Amino acid sequence: MESVLPYVLAIVPTIGVGTLFYFVIKSILEGDRRERLAQARWEATHDRADAAHDHSGDAEDPARGSSSNGR
């Protein structure tokens, strides 16, 4: 057992760093996934709001121009 102990002690830091690397990369990937889902939900909400606004016809978009300009 004494002849194996130096080898085990030599590989423990590598296993520790590998485990730390795994959890860091895993958390980065999960955070990216959650951010993409949140972005998709935000865009869908705004698309629905824009569609409801376009269908209501209550207000004109200044970027599109006014419908009362004689065209």
N, C-alpha and C. Protein backbone atom coordinates (compact mmCIF):
# COMPACT_ATOMS: atom_id res chain seq x y z
N MET A 1 0.82 -1.19 0.00
CA MET A 1 0.00 0.00 0.00
C MET A 1 0.87 1.25 0.00
N GLU A 2 2.00 1.20 0.64
CA GLU A 2 2.88 2.36 0.68
C GLU A 2 3.44 2.70 -0.69
N SER A 3 3.55 1.74 -1.57
CA SER A 3 4.09 2.00 -2.90
C SER A 3 3.03 2.62 -3.81
N VAL A 4 1.75 2.47 -3.48
CA VAL A 4 0.67 3.00 -4.30
C VAL A 4 0.31 4.43 -3.87
N LEU A 5 0.52 4.75 -2.63
CA LEU A 5 0.11 6.04 -2.07
C LEU A 5 0.69 7.25 -2.82
N PRO A 6 1.96 7.27 -3.20
CA PRO A 6 2.47 8.44 -3.95
C PRO A 6 1.75 8.64 -5.30
N TYR A 7 1.38 7.54 -5.94
CA TYR A 7 0.69 7.65 -7.22
C TYR A 7 -0.74 8.18 -7.04
N VAL A 8 -1.39 7.73 -6.00
CA VAL A 8 -2.74 8.21 -5.70
C VAL A 8 -2.69 9.70 -5.35
N LEU A 9 -1.73 10.08 -4.53
CA LEU A 9 -1.60 11.49 -4.16
C LEU A 9 -1.22 12.37 -5.35
N ALA A 10 -0.55 11.80 -6.32
CA ALA A 10 -0.17 12.56 -7.51
C ALA A 10 -1.36 12.79 -8.43
N ILE A 11 -2.31 11.88 -8.43
CA ILE A 11 -3.44 12.01 -9.36
C ILE A 11 -4.63 12.74 -8.72
N VAL A 12 -4.68 12.88 -7.42
CA VAL A 12 -5.79 13.55 -6.74
C VAL A 12 -5.96 15.00 -7.21
N PRO A 13 -4.91 15.82 -7.33
CA PRO A 13 -5.12 17.19 -7.82
C PRO A 13 -5.69 17.24 -9.24
N THR A 14 -5.27 16.31 -10.08
CA THR A 14 -5.79 16.26 -11.44
C THR A 14 -7.28 15.94 -11.44
N ILE A 15 -7.68 15.00 -10.62
CA ILE A 15 -9.10 14.65 -10.51
C ILE A 15 -9.88 15.82 -9.95
N GLY A 16 -9.34 16.52 -8.97
CA GLY A 16 -10.01 17.68 -8.39
C GLY A 16 -10.20 18.80 -9.40
N VAL A 17 -9.16 19.10 -10.16
CA VAL A 17 -9.26 20.16 -11.18
C VAL A 17 -10.22 19.73 -12.28
N GLY A 18 -10.19 18.47 -12.66
CA GLY A 18 -11.12 17.97 -13.68
C GLY A 18 -12.56 18.07 -13.22
N THR A 19 -12.82 17.75 -11.96
CA THR A 19 -14.17 17.87 -11.41
C THR A 19 -14.61 19.32 -11.36
N LEU A 20 -13.74 20.20 -10.93
CA LEU A 20 -14.06 21.63 -10.91
C LEU A 20 -14.34 22.14 -12.31
N PHE A 21 -13.53 21.75 -13.28
CA PHE A 21 -13.73 22.15 -14.67
C PHE A 21 -15.08 21.67 -15.19
N TYR A 22 -15.45 20.43 -14.86
CA TYR A 22 -16.73 19.88 -15.28
C TYR A 22 -17.89 20.73 -14.76
N PHE A 23 -17.88 21.06 -13.46
CA PHE A 23 -18.98 21.82 -12.89
C PHE A 23 -19.03 23.26 -13.41
N VAL A 24 -17.88 23.86 -13.68
CA VAL A 24 -17.86 25.21 -14.23
C VAL A 24 -18.45 25.23 -15.64
N ILE A 25 -18.02 24.31 -16.48
CA ILE A 25 -18.54 24.24 -17.85
C ILE A 25 -20.02 23.89 -17.84
N LYS A 26 -20.44 22.99 -16.97
CA LYS A 26 -21.85 22.62 -16.86
C LYS A 26 -22.70 23.82 -16.47
N SER A 27 -22.24 24.62 -15.52
CA SER A 27 -23.02 25.78 -15.10
C SER A 27 -23.06 26.85 -16.20
N ILE A 28 -21.99 27.00 -16.95
CA ILE A 28 -21.97 27.95 -18.07
C ILE A 28 -22.98 27.53 -19.13
N LEU A 29 -22.98 26.25 -19.48
CA LEU A 29 -23.91 25.76 -20.50
C LEU A 29 -25.36 25.85 -20.04
N GLU A 30 -25.63 25.53 -18.78
CA GLU A 30 -27.00 25.65 -18.28
C GLU A 30 -27.44 27.10 -18.21
N GLY A 31 -26.55 27.99 -17.84
CA GLY A 31 -26.88 29.41 -17.82
C GLY A 31 -27.19 29.93 -19.21
N ASP A 32 -26.43 29.49 -20.19
CA ASP A 32 -26.68 29.89 -21.57
C ASP A 32 -28.04 29.38 -22.04
N ARG A 33 -28.35 28.13 -21.69
CA ARG A 33 -29.64 27.55 -22.07
C ARG A 33 -30.79 28.33 -21.44
N ARG A 34 -30.66 28.66 -20.16
CA ARG A 34 -31.72 29.43 -19.49
C ARG A 34 -31.86 30.82 -20.08
N GLU A 35 -30.74 31.44 -20.45
CA GLU A 35 -30.80 32.76 -21.04
C GLU A 35 -31.46 32.73 -22.42
N ARG A 36 -31.17 31.70 -23.20
CA ARG A 36 -31.82 31.56 -24.52
C ARG A 36 -33.32 31.35 -24.37
N LEU A 37 -33.73 30.55 -23.39
CA LEU A 37 -35.17 30.35 -23.16
C LEU A 37 -35.84 31.65 -22.72
N ALA A 38 -35.19 32.39 -21.85
CA ALA A 38 -35.75 33.66 -21.39
C ALA A 38 -35.84 34.65 -22.55
N GLN A 39 -34.83 34.68 -23.39
CA GLN A 39 -34.85 35.57 -24.56
C GLN A 39 -35.98 35.19 -25.51
N ALA A 40 -36.18 33.90 -25.72
CA ALA A 40 -37.26 33.44 -26.60
C ALA A 40 -38.62 33.81 -26.03
N ARG A 41 -38.79 33.65 -24.71
CA ARG A 41 -40.06 34.04 -24.08
C ARG A 41 -40.28 35.54 -24.20
N TRP A 42 -39.24 36.34 -23.99
CA TRP A 42 -39.35 37.79 -24.08
C TRP A 42 -39.73 38.20 -25.51
N GLU A 43 -39.07 37.60 -26.50
CA GLU A 43 -39.38 37.93 -27.89
C GLU A 43 -40.80 37.52 -28.26
N ALA A 44 -41.24 36.35 -27.77
CA ALA A 44 -42.60 35.90 -28.07
C ALA A 44 -43.62 36.84 -27.44
N THR A 45 -43.36 37.29 -26.23
CA THR A 45 -44.27 38.23 -25.57
C THR A 45 -44.36 39.53 -26.35
N HIS A 46 -43.24 40.04 -26.78
CA HIS A 46 -43.24 41.29 -27.53
C HIS A 46 -43.83 41.12 -28.93
N ASP A 47 -43.62 39.96 -29.54
CA ASP A 47 -44.24 39.70 -30.84
C ASP A 47 -45.76 39.66 -30.72
N ARG A 48 -46.25 39.02 -29.63
CA ARG A 48 -47.70 38.98 -29.42
C ARG A 48 -48.24 40.39 -29.17
N ALA A 49 -47.51 41.19 -28.40
CA ALA A 49 -47.95 42.55 -28.12
C ALA A 49 -47.95 43.38 -29.40
N ASP A 50 -46.94 43.21 -30.24
CA ASP A 50 -46.89 43.93 -31.51
C ASP A 50 -48.01 43.50 -32.44
N ALA A 51 -48.31 42.20 -32.45
CA ALA A 51 -49.38 41.69 -33.31
C ALA A 51 -50.72 42.23 -32.83
N ALA A 52 -50.93 42.27 -31.53
CA ALA A 52 -52.18 42.80 -30.99
C ALA A 52 -52.29 44.29 -31.30
N HIS A 53 -51.17 44.98 -31.22
CA HIS A 53 -51.16 46.41 -31.52
C HIS A 53 -51.45 46.65 -33.00
N ASP A 54 -50.88 45.84 -33.87
CA ASP A 54 -51.10 45.99 -35.31
C ASP A 54 -52.55 45.69 -35.69
N HIS A 55 -53.16 44.73 -35.02
CA HIS A 55 -54.54 44.36 -35.35
C HIS A 55 -55.54 45.34 -34.78
N SER A 56 -55.19 46.03 -33.71
CA SER A 56 -56.15 46.94 -33.09
C SER A 56 -56.35 48.20 -33.93
N GLY A 57 -55.28 48.71 -34.54
CA GLY A 57 -55.37 49.89 -35.39
C GLY A 57 -55.66 51.17 -34.62
N ASP A 58 -55.48 51.16 -33.32
CA ASP A 58 -55.77 52.34 -32.51
C ASP A 58 -54.77 53.45 -32.73
N ALA A 59 -53.51 53.11 -32.85
CA ALA A 59 -52.48 54.14 -32.97
C ALA A 59 -51.58 53.80 -34.15
N GLU A 60 -51.09 54.82 -34.79
CA GLU A 60 -50.18 54.64 -35.91
C GLU A 60 -48.75 54.62 -35.40
N ASP A 61 -47.92 53.84 -36.05
CA ASP A 61 -46.51 53.78 -35.74
C ASP A 61 -45.83 54.96 -36.43
N PRO A 62 -45.13 55.83 -35.70
CA PRO A 62 -44.49 56.99 -36.33
C PRO A 62 -43.48 56.62 -37.38
N ALA A 63 -42.89 55.44 -37.28
CA ALA A 63 -41.89 55.02 -38.26
C ALA A 63 -42.56 54.67 -39.59
N ARG A 64 -43.82 54.27 -39.55
CA ARG A 64 -44.53 53.88 -40.77
C ARG A 64 -45.21 55.07 -41.45
N GLY A 65 -45.37 56.12 -40.72
CA GLY A 65 -46.05 57.27 -41.29
C GLY A 65 -47.50 57.31 -40.86
N SER A 66 -48.11 58.40 -41.07
CA SER A 66 -49.48 58.57 -40.64
C SER A 66 -50.41 58.24 -41.79
N SER A 67 -51.59 57.69 -41.47
CA SER A 67 -52.55 57.36 -42.52
C SER A 67 -53.36 58.59 -42.92
N SER A 68 -53.20 59.70 -42.22
CA SER A 68 -53.96 60.90 -42.53
C SER A 68 -53.19 61.86 -43.45
N ASN A 69 -52.15 61.37 -44.12
CA ASN A 69 -51.35 62.24 -44.97
C ASN A 69 -51.87 62.27 -46.42
N GLY A 70 -53.04 61.65 -46.69
CA GLY A 70 -53.64 61.73 -48.01
C GLY A 70 -53.22 60.60 -48.94
N ARG A 71 -52.60 59.60 -48.47
CA ARG A 71 -52.19 58.47 -49.34
C ARG A 71 -53.18 57.36 -49.29
